[in-house]
Amino acid sequence: MTDDGFLSLMSDDGSTKDDVKLPEGDVGDKIKKLFVEETKDTSKQNIPFLPNKEIPLTLSKDVIVLTAMGEEAAIDAKEAPK
């Protein structure tokens, strides 16, 4: 997540996407809980960080982005299957 309220996402092929806005309401709260809460005590963790922000690069979370009529919106987030 960037300071301006956009998500920094990585696709399965490794490309990044930085133009999906963090949604308001329950979905935004869920995304924050899954990603931001995890970073509270990272001093003992060996987790690589995204270069510009505080959220660790974690492969165990998924954000579902819906694309329609040229618009994109994050509609859900969940733990990725192991």
PDB file of N, CA and C in Angstrom:
ATOM      1  N   MET A   1       0.858  -1.165   0.000  1.00  0.00           N
ATOM      2  CA  MET A   1       0.000   0.000   0.000  1.00  0.00           C
ATOM      3  C   MET A   1       0.905   1.229   0.000  1.00  0.00           C
ATOM      4  N   THR A   2       0.542   2.192  -0.815  1.00  0.00           N
ATOM      5  CA  THR A   2       1.337   3.404  -0.893  1.00  0.00           C
ATOM      6  C   THR A   2       0.710   4.501  -0.039  1.00  0.00           C
ATOM      7  N   ASP A   3       1.442   5.576   0.162  1.00  0.00           N
ATOM      8  CA  ASP A   3       0.947   6.678   0.989  1.00  0.00           C
ATOM      9  C   ASP A   3      -0.300   7.338   0.408  1.00  0.00           C
ATOM     10  N   ASP A   4      -0.480   7.236  -0.905  1.00  0.00           N
ATOM     11  CA  ASP A   4      -1.622   7.892  -1.530  1.00  0.00           C
ATOM     12  C   ASP A   4      -2.852   6.987  -1.626  1.00  0.00           C
ATOM     13  N   GLY A   5      -2.846   5.845  -0.922  1.00  0.00           N
ATOM     14  CA  GLY A   5      -4.026   4.991  -0.847  1.00  0.00           C
ATOM     15  C   GLY A   5      -4.160   3.969  -1.961  1.00  0.00           C
ATOM     16  N   PHE A   6      -3.091   3.703  -2.692  1.00  0.00           N
ATOM     17  CA  PHE A   6      -3.128   2.699  -3.736  1.00  0.00           C
ATOM     18  C   PHE A   6      -2.383   1.454  -3.271  1.00  0.00           C
ATOM     19  N   LEU A   7      -2.789   0.301  -3.789  1.00  0.00           N
ATOM     20  CA  LEU A   7      -2.144  -0.961  -3.458  1.00  0.00           C
ATOM     21  C   LEU A   7      -0.977  -1.195  -4.398  1.00  0.00           C
ATOM     22  N   SER A   8       0.045  -1.839  -3.920  1.00  0.00           N
ATOM     23  CA  SER A   8       1.159  -2.267  -4.748  1.00  0.00           C
ATOM     24  C   SER A   8       1.083  -3.784  -4.799  1.00  0.00           C
ATOM     25  N   LEU A   9       0.636  -4.308  -5.936  1.00  0.00           N
ATOM     26  CA  LEU A   9       0.339  -5.736  -6.075  1.00  0.00           C
ATOM     27  C   LEU A   9       1.311  -6.399  -7.036  1.00  0.00           C
ATOM     28  N   MET A  10       1.516  -7.705  -6.839  1.00  0.00           N
ATOM     29  CA  MET A  10       2.359  -8.479  -7.744  1.00  0.00           C
ATOM     30  C   MET A  10       1.527  -9.623  -8.313  1.00  0.00           C
ATOM     31  N   SER A  11       1.588  -9.779  -9.631  1.00  0.00           N
ATOM     32  CA  SER A  11       0.842 -10.857 -10.282  1.00  0.00           C
ATOM     33  C   SER A  11       1.632 -12.161 -10.217  1.00  0.00           C
ATOM     34  N   ASP A  12       1.018 -13.233 -10.673  1.00  0.00           N
ATOM     35  CA  ASP A  12       1.679 -14.538 -10.666  1.00  0.00           C
ATOM     36  C   ASP A  12       2.961 -14.551 -11.496  1.00  0.00           C
ATOM     37  N   ASP A  13       3.006 -13.731 -12.548  1.00  0.00           N
ATOM     38  CA  ASP A  13       4.198 -13.711 -13.397  1.00  0.00           C
ATOM     39  C   ASP A  13       5.285 -12.762 -12.886  1.00  0.00           C
ATOM     40  N   GLY A  14       5.045 -12.105 -11.747  1.00  0.00           N
ATOM     41  CA  GLY A  14       6.045 -11.243 -11.139  1.00  0.00           C
ATOM     42  C   GLY A  14       5.938  -9.778 -11.513  1.00  0.00           C
ATOM     43  N   SER A  15       5.038  -9.440 -12.429  1.00  0.00           N
ATOM     44  CA  SER A  15       4.868  -8.030 -12.774  1.00  0.00           C
ATOM     45  C   SER A  15       4.109  -7.313 -11.656  1.00  0.00           C
ATOM     46  N   THR A  16       4.369  -6.023 -11.504  1.00  0.00           N
ATOM     47  CA  THR A  16       3.723  -5.270 -10.434  1.00  0.00           C
ATOM     48  C   THR A  16       2.646  -4.349 -10.987  1.00  0.00           C
ATOM     49  N   LYS A  17       1.698  -4.039 -10.131  1.00  0.00           N
ATOM     50  CA  LYS A  17       0.579  -3.171 -10.474  1.00  0.00           C
ATOM     51  C   LYS A  17       0.395  -2.224  -9.302  1.00  0.00           C
ATOM     52  N   ASP A  18       0.494  -0.932  -9.568  1.00  0.00           N
ATOM     53  CA  ASP A  18       0.430   0.064  -8.501  1.00  0.00           C
ATOM     54  C   ASP A  18      -0.716   1.049  -8.668  1.00  0.00           C
ATOM     55  N   ASP A  19      -1.719   0.695  -9.469  1.00  0.00           N
ATOM     56  CA  ASP A  19      -2.786   1.656  -9.756  1.00  0.00           C
ATOM     57  C   ASP A  19      -4.170   1.183  -9.314  1.00  0.00           C
ATOM     58  N   VAL A  20      -4.222   0.226  -8.394  1.00  0.00           N
ATOM     59  CA  VAL A  20      -5.503  -0.230  -7.844  1.00  0.00           C
ATOM     60  C   VAL A  20      -5.680   0.445  -6.485  1.00  0.00           C
ATOM     61  N   LYS A  21      -6.739   1.197  -6.341  1.00  0.00           N
ATOM     62  CA  LYS A  21      -6.985   1.964  -5.116  1.00  0.00           C
ATOM     63  C   LYS A  21      -7.432   1.040  -3.978  1.00  0.00           C
ATOM     64  N   LEU A  22      -6.936   1.299  -2.787  1.00  0.00           N
ATOM     65  CA  LEU A  22      -7.400   0.587  -1.606  1.00  0.00           C
ATOM     66  C   LEU A  22      -8.859   0.970  -1.389  1.00  0.00           C
ATOM     67  N   PRO A  23      -9.772   0.001  -1.413  1.00  0.00           N
ATOM     68  CA  PRO A  23     -11.190   0.346  -1.262  1.00  0.00           C
ATOM     69  C   PRO A  23     -11.525   0.778   0.160  1.00  0.00           C
ATOM     70  N   GLU A  24     -12.607   1.523   0.260  1.00  0.00           N
ATOM     71  CA  GLU A  24     -13.108   1.925   1.573  1.00  0.00           C
ATOM     72  C   GLU A  24     -14.033   0.836   2.096  1.00  0.00           C
ATOM     73  N   GLY A  25     -14.388   0.923   3.355  1.00  0.00           N
ATOM     74  CA  GLY A  25     -15.361   0.005   3.937  1.00  0.00           C
ATOM     75  C   GLY A  25     -14.760  -1.326   4.348  1.00  0.00           C
ATOM     76  N   ASP A  26     -15.609  -2.348   4.349  1.00  0.00           N
ATOM     77  CA  ASP A  26     -15.221  -3.667   4.849  1.00  0.00           C
ATOM     78  C   ASP A  26     -14.069  -4.294   4.075  1.00  0.00           C
ATOM     79  N   VAL A  27     -14.077  -4.162   2.754  1.00  0.00           N
ATOM     80  CA  VAL A  27     -13.011  -4.767   1.949  1.00  0.00           C
ATOM     81  C   VAL A  27     -11.673  -4.097   2.247  1.00  0.00           C
ATOM     82  N   GLY A  28     -11.658  -2.779   2.323  1.00  0.00           N
ATOM     83  CA  GLY A  28     -10.421  -2.068   2.661  1.00  0.00           C
ATOM     84  C   GLY A  28      -9.917  -2.440   4.042  1.00  0.00           C
ATOM     85  N   ASP A  29     -10.837  -2.550   4.986  1.00  0.00           N
ATOM     86  CA  ASP A  29     -10.453  -2.956   6.345  1.00  0.00           C
ATOM     87  C   ASP A  29      -9.867  -4.361   6.355  1.00  0.00           C
ATOM     88  N   LYS A  30     -10.448  -5.256   5.556  1.00  0.00           N
ATOM     89  CA  LYS A  30      -9.963  -6.633   5.485  1.00  0.00           C
ATOM     90  C   LYS A  30      -8.551  -6.677   4.902  1.00  0.00           C
ATOM     91  N   ILE A  31      -8.307  -5.902   3.855  1.00  0.00           N
ATOM     92  CA  ILE A  31      -6.976  -5.855   3.248  1.00  0.00           C
ATOM     93  C   ILE A  31      -5.965  -5.300   4.249  1.00  0.00           C
ATOM     94  N   LYS A  32      -6.322  -4.225   4.916  1.00  0.00           N
ATOM     95  CA  LYS A  32      -5.422  -3.652   5.924  1.00  0.00           C
ATOM     96  C   LYS A  32      -5.115  -4.663   7.007  1.00  0.00           C
ATOM     97  N   LYS A  33      -6.136  -5.373   7.464  1.00  0.00           N
ATOM     98  CA  LYS A  33      -5.933  -6.351   8.529  1.00  0.00           C
ATOM     99  C   LYS A  33      -4.998  -7.468   8.071  1.00  0.00           C
ATOM    100  N   LEU A  34      -5.179  -7.956   6.860  1.00  0.00           N
ATOM    101  CA  LEU A  34      -4.339  -9.051   6.363  1.00  0.00           C
ATOM    102  C   LEU A  34      -2.890  -8.632   6.170  1.00  0.00           C
ATOM    103  N   PHE A  35      -2.663  -7.414   5.704  1.00  0.00           N
ATOM    104  CA  PHE A  35      -1.316  -6.998   5.357  1.00  0.00           C
ATOM    105  C   PHE A  35      -0.656  -6.101   6.391  1.00  0.00           C
ATOM    106  N   VAL A  36      -1.316  -5.065   6.817  1.00  0.00           N
ATOM    107  CA  VAL A  36      -0.678  -4.093   7.704  1.00  0.00           C
ATOM    108  C   VAL A  36      -0.499  -4.649   9.104  1.00  0.00           C
ATOM    109  N   GLU A  37      -1.486  -5.314   9.650  1.00  0.00           N
ATOM    110  CA  GLU A  37      -1.382  -5.845  11.004  1.00  0.00           C
ATOM    111  C   GLU A  37      -0.216  -6.819  11.124  1.00  0.00           C
ATOM    112  N   GLU A  38       0.113  -7.501  10.047  1.00  0.00           N
ATOM    113  CA  GLU A  38       1.199  -8.473  10.036  1.00  0.00           C
ATOM    114  C   GLU A  38       2.556  -7.813  10.254  1.00  0.00           C
ATOM    115  N   THR A  39       2.666  -6.522   9.995  1.00  0.00           N
ATOM    116  CA  THR A  39       3.960  -5.840  10.058  1.00  0.00           C
ATOM    117  C   THR A  39       4.257  -5.201  11.407  1.00  0.00           C
ATOM    118  N   LYS A  40       3.373  -5.348  12.378  1.00  0.00           N
ATOM    119  CA  LYS A  40       3.564  -4.650  13.653  1.00  0.00           C
ATOM    120  C   LYS A  40       4.862  -5.029  14.350  1.00  0.00           C
ATOM    121  N   ASP A  41       5.212  -6.311  14.357  1.00  0.00           N
ATOM    122  CA  ASP A  41       6.469  -6.706  14.988  1.00  0.00           C
ATOM    123  C   ASP A  41       7.281  -7.500  13.984  1.00  0.00           C
ATOM    124  N   THR A  42       7.997  -6.794  13.142  1.00  0.00           N
ATOM    125  CA  THR A  42       8.819  -7.464  12.139  1.00  0.00           C
ATOM    126  C   THR A  42      10.292  -7.430  12.496  1.00  0.00           C
ATOM    127  N   SER A  43      10.626  -6.938  13.671  1.00  0.00           N
ATOM    128  CA  SER A  43      12.029  -6.820  14.040  1.00  0.00           C
ATOM    129  C   SER A  43      12.710  -8.184  14.128  1.00  0.00           C
ATOM    130  N   LYS A  44      11.950  -9.217  14.424  1.00  0.00           N
ATOM    131  CA  LYS A  44      12.528 -10.554  14.559  1.00  0.00           C
ATOM    132  C   LYS A  44      12.291 -11.395  13.317  1.00  0.00           C
ATOM    133  N   GLN A  45      11.611 -10.838  12.314  1.00  0.00           N
ATOM    134  CA  GLN A  45      11.289 -11.590  11.116  1.00  0.00           C
ATOM    135  C   GLN A  45      12.271 -11.242  10.005  1.00  0.00           C
ATOM    136  N   ASN A  46      12.551 -12.206   9.175  1.00  0.00           N
ATOM    137  CA  ASN A  46      13.393 -11.966   8.007  1.00  0.00           C
ATOM    138  C   ASN A  46      12.488 -11.918   6.785  1.00  0.00           C
ATOM    139  N   ILE A  47      11.748 -10.802   6.644  1.00  0.00           N
ATOM    140  CA  ILE A  47      10.780 -10.645   5.566  1.00  0.00           C
ATOM    141  C   ILE A  47      11.255  -9.532   4.651  1.00  0.00           C
ATOM    142  N   PRO A  48      11.357  -9.811   3.335  1.00  0.00           N
ATOM    143  CA  PRO A  48      11.740  -8.721   2.431  1.00  0.00           C
ATOM    144  C   PRO A  48      10.633  -7.687   2.348  1.00  0.00           C
ATOM    145  N   PHE A  49      10.995  -6.415   2.226  1.00  0.00           N
ATOM    146  CA  PHE A  49       9.997  -5.352   2.176  1.00  0.00           C
ATOM    147  C   PHE A  49       9.923  -4.758   0.783  1.00  0.00           C
ATOM    148  N   LEU A  50       8.742  -4.302   0.417  1.00  0.00           N
ATOM    149  CA  LEU A  50       8.598  -3.549  -0.814  1.00  0.00           C
ATOM    150  C   LEU A  50       9.456  -2.305  -0.667  1.00  0.00           C
ATOM    151  N   PRO A  51      10.101  -1.875  -1.710  1.00  0.00           N
ATOM    152  CA  PRO A  51      11.078  -0.798  -1.563  1.00  0.00           C
ATOM    153  C   PRO A  51      10.501   0.525  -1.072  1.00  0.00           C
ATOM    154  N   ASN A  52       9.238   0.799  -1.332  1.00  0.00           N
ATOM    155  CA  ASN A  52       8.732   2.125  -0.986  1.00  0.00           C
ATOM    156  C   ASN A  52       7.806   2.149   0.219  1.00  0.00           C
ATOM    157  N   LYS A  53       7.420   1.017   0.769  1.00  0.00           N
ATOM    158  CA  LYS A  53       6.433   1.056   1.840  1.00  0.00           C
ATOM    159  C   LYS A  53       6.682  -0.003   2.902  1.00  0.00           C
ATOM    160  N   GLU A  54       5.815  -0.029   3.889  1.00  0.00           N
ATOM    161  CA  GLU A  54       6.006  -0.847   5.072  1.00  0.00           C
ATOM    162  C   GLU A  54       5.465  -2.268   4.956  1.00  0.00           C
ATOM    163  N   ILE A  55       4.707  -2.589   3.945  1.00  0.00           N
ATOM    164  CA  ILE A  55       4.063  -3.897   3.884  1.00  0.00           C
ATOM    165  C   ILE A  55       5.030  -4.918   3.302  1.00  0.00           C
ATOM    166  N   PRO A  56       5.233  -6.032   3.991  1.00  0.00           N
ATOM    167  CA  PRO A  56       6.194  -7.017   3.504  1.00  0.00           C
ATOM    168  C   PRO A  56       5.686  -7.735   2.264  1.00  0.00           C
ATOM    169  N   LEU A  57       6.617  -8.135   1.430  1.00  0.00           N
ATOM    170  CA  LEU A  57       6.303  -8.940   0.264  1.00  0.00           C
ATOM    171  C   LEU A  57       5.972 -10.341   0.756  1.00  0.00           C
ATOM    172  N   THR A  58       4.718 -10.690   0.737  1.00  0.00           N
ATOM    173  CA  THR A  58       4.265 -11.948   1.301  1.00  0.00           C
ATOM    174  C   THR A  58       3.519 -12.730   0.245  1.00  0.00           C
ATOM    175  N   LEU A  59       3.892 -13.961   0.039  1.00  0.00           N
ATOM    176  CA  LEU A  59       3.247 -14.760  -0.984  1.00  0.00           C
ATOM    177  C   LEU A  59       2.075 -15.565  -0.438  1.00  0.00           C
ATOM    178  N   SER A  60       1.697 -15.361   0.806  1.00  0.00           N
ATOM    179  CA  SER A  60       0.617 -16.146   1.397  1.00  0.00           C
ATOM    180  C   SER A  60      -0.704 -15.398   1.446  1.00  0.00           C
ATOM    181  N   LYS A  61      -0.817 -14.277   0.738  1.00  0.00           N
ATOM    182  CA  LYS A  61      -2.047 -13.494   0.710  1.00  0.00           C
ATOM    183  C   LYS A  61      -2.438 -13.227  -0.739  1.00  0.00           C
ATOM    184  N   ASP A  62      -3.729 -13.173  -1.008  1.00  0.00           N
ATOM    185  CA  ASP A  62      -4.239 -12.853  -2.337  1.00  0.00           C
ATOM    186  C   ASP A  62      -5.199 -11.684  -2.239  1.00  0.00           C
ATOM    187  N   VAL A  63      -5.097 -10.756  -3.189  1.00  0.00           N
ATOM    188  CA  VAL A  63      -6.080  -9.692  -3.336  1.00  0.00           C
ATOM    189  C   VAL A  63      -6.784  -9.956  -4.657  1.00  0.00           C
ATOM    190  N   ILE A  64      -8.100 -10.025  -4.629  1.00  0.00           N
ATOM    191  CA  ILE A  64      -8.888 -10.283  -5.824  1.00  0.00           C
ATOM    192  C   ILE A  64      -9.274  -8.943  -6.433  1.00  0.00           C
ATOM    193  N   VAL A  65      -8.875  -8.755  -7.694  1.00  0.00           N
ATOM    194  CA  VAL A  65      -9.138  -7.504  -8.409  1.00  0.00           C
ATOM    195  C   VAL A  65     -10.097  -7.810  -9.548  1.00  0.00           C
ATOM    196  N   LEU A  66     -11.209  -7.093  -9.588  1.00  0.00           N
ATOM    197  CA  LEU A  66     -12.210  -7.232 -10.643  1.00  0.00           C
ATOM    198  C   LEU A  66     -11.960  -6.148 -11.683  1.00  0.00           C
ATOM    199  N   THR A  67     -11.923  -6.547 -12.950  1.00  0.00           N
ATOM    200  CA  THR A  67     -11.732  -5.602 -14.044  1.00  0.00           C
ATOM    201  C   THR A  67     -12.967  -5.630 -14.929  1.00  0.00           C
ATOM    202  N   ALA A  68     -13.558  -4.464 -15.173  1.00  0.00           N
ATOM    203  CA  ALA A  68     -14.725  -4.349 -16.050  1.00  0.00           C
ATOM    204  C   ALA A  68     -14.752  -2.963 -16.675  1.00  0.00           C
ATOM    205  N   MET A  69     -14.988  -2.913 -17.961  1.00  0.00           N
ATOM    206  CA  MET A  69     -15.131  -1.653 -18.692  1.00  0.00           C
ATOM    207  C   MET A  69     -13.961  -0.705 -18.448  1.00  0.00           C
ATOM    208  N   GLY A  70     -12.763  -1.255 -18.404  1.00  0.00           N
ATOM    209  CA  GLY A  70     -11.569  -0.444 -18.238  1.00  0.00           C
ATOM    210  C   GLY A  70     -11.284   0.019 -16.826  1.00  0.00           C
ATOM    211  N   GLU A  71     -12.089  -0.371 -15.876  1.00  0.00           N
ATOM    212  CA  GLU A  71     -11.896   0.003 -14.469  1.00  0.00           C
ATOM    213  C   GLU A  71     -11.481  -1.228 -13.676  1.00  0.00           C
ATOM    214  N   GLU A  72     -10.694  -1.023 -12.640  1.00  0.00           N
ATOM    215  CA  GLU A  72     -10.264  -2.115 -11.757  1.00  0.00           C
ATOM    216  C   GLU A  72     -10.600  -1.767 -10.311  1.00  0.00           C
ATOM    217  N   ALA A  73     -11.002  -2.779  -9.551  1.00  0.00           N
ATOM    218  CA  ALA A  73     -11.309  -2.562  -8.141  1.00  0.00           C
ATOM    219  C   ALA A  73     -10.948  -3.814  -7.350  1.00  0.00           C
ATOM    220  N   ALA A  74     -10.305  -3.614  -6.215  1.00  0.00           N
ATOM    221  CA  ALA A  74     -10.040  -4.727  -5.298  1.00  0.00           C
ATOM    222  C   ALA A  74     -11.376  -5.051  -4.611  1.00  0.00           C
ATOM    223  N   ILE A  75     -11.787  -6.312  -4.711  1.00  0.00           N
ATOM    224  CA  ILE A  75     -13.103  -6.683  -4.165  1.00  0.00           C
ATOM    225  C   ILE A  75     -13.009  -7.657  -2.998  1.00  0.00           C
ATOM    226  N   ASP A  76     -11.832  -8.233  -2.761  1.00  0.00           N
ATOM    227  CA  ASP A  76     -11.687  -9.170  -1.653  1.00  0.00           C
ATOM    228  C   ASP A  76     -10.205  -9.440  -1.426  1.00  0.00           C
ATOM    229  N   ALA A  77      -9.907 -10.004  -0.284  1.00  0.00           N
ATOM    230  CA  ALA A  77      -8.550 -10.431   0.053  1.00  0.00           C
ATOM    231  C   ALA A  77      -8.672 -11.662   0.931  1.00  0.00           C
ATOM    232  N   LYS A  78      -7.719 -12.573   0.801  1.00  0.00           N
ATOM    233  CA  LYS A  78      -7.776 -13.816   1.578  1.00  0.00           C
ATOM    234  C   LYS A  78      -6.378 -14.416   1.690  1.00  0.00           C
ATOM    235  N   GLU A  79      -6.267 -15.341   2.617  1.00  0.00           N
ATOM    236  CA  GLU A  79      -5.045 -16.120   2.732  1.00  0.00           C
ATOM    237  C   GLU A  79      -4.954 -17.014   1.502  1.00  0.00           C
ATOM    238  N   ALA A  80      -3.782 -17.089   0.898  1.00  0.00           N
ATOM    239  CA  ALA A  80      -3.593 -17.950  -0.283  1.00  0.00           C
ATOM    240  C   ALA A  80      -3.504 -19.406   0.162  1.00  0.00           C
ATOM    241  N   PRO A  81      -3.975 -20.314  -0.677  1.00  0.00           N
ATOM    242  CA  PRO A  81      -3.824 -21.735  -0.323  1.00  0.00           C
ATOM    243  C   PRO A  81      -2.356 -22.108  -0.252  1.00  0.00           C
ATOM    244  N   LYS A  82      -2.048 -22.972   0.663  1.00  0.00           N
ATOM    245  CA  LYS A  82      -0.652 -23.377   0.850  1.00  0.00           C
ATOM    246  C   LYS A  82      -0.243 -24.459  -0.104  1.00  0.00           C
TER     247      LYS A  82
END
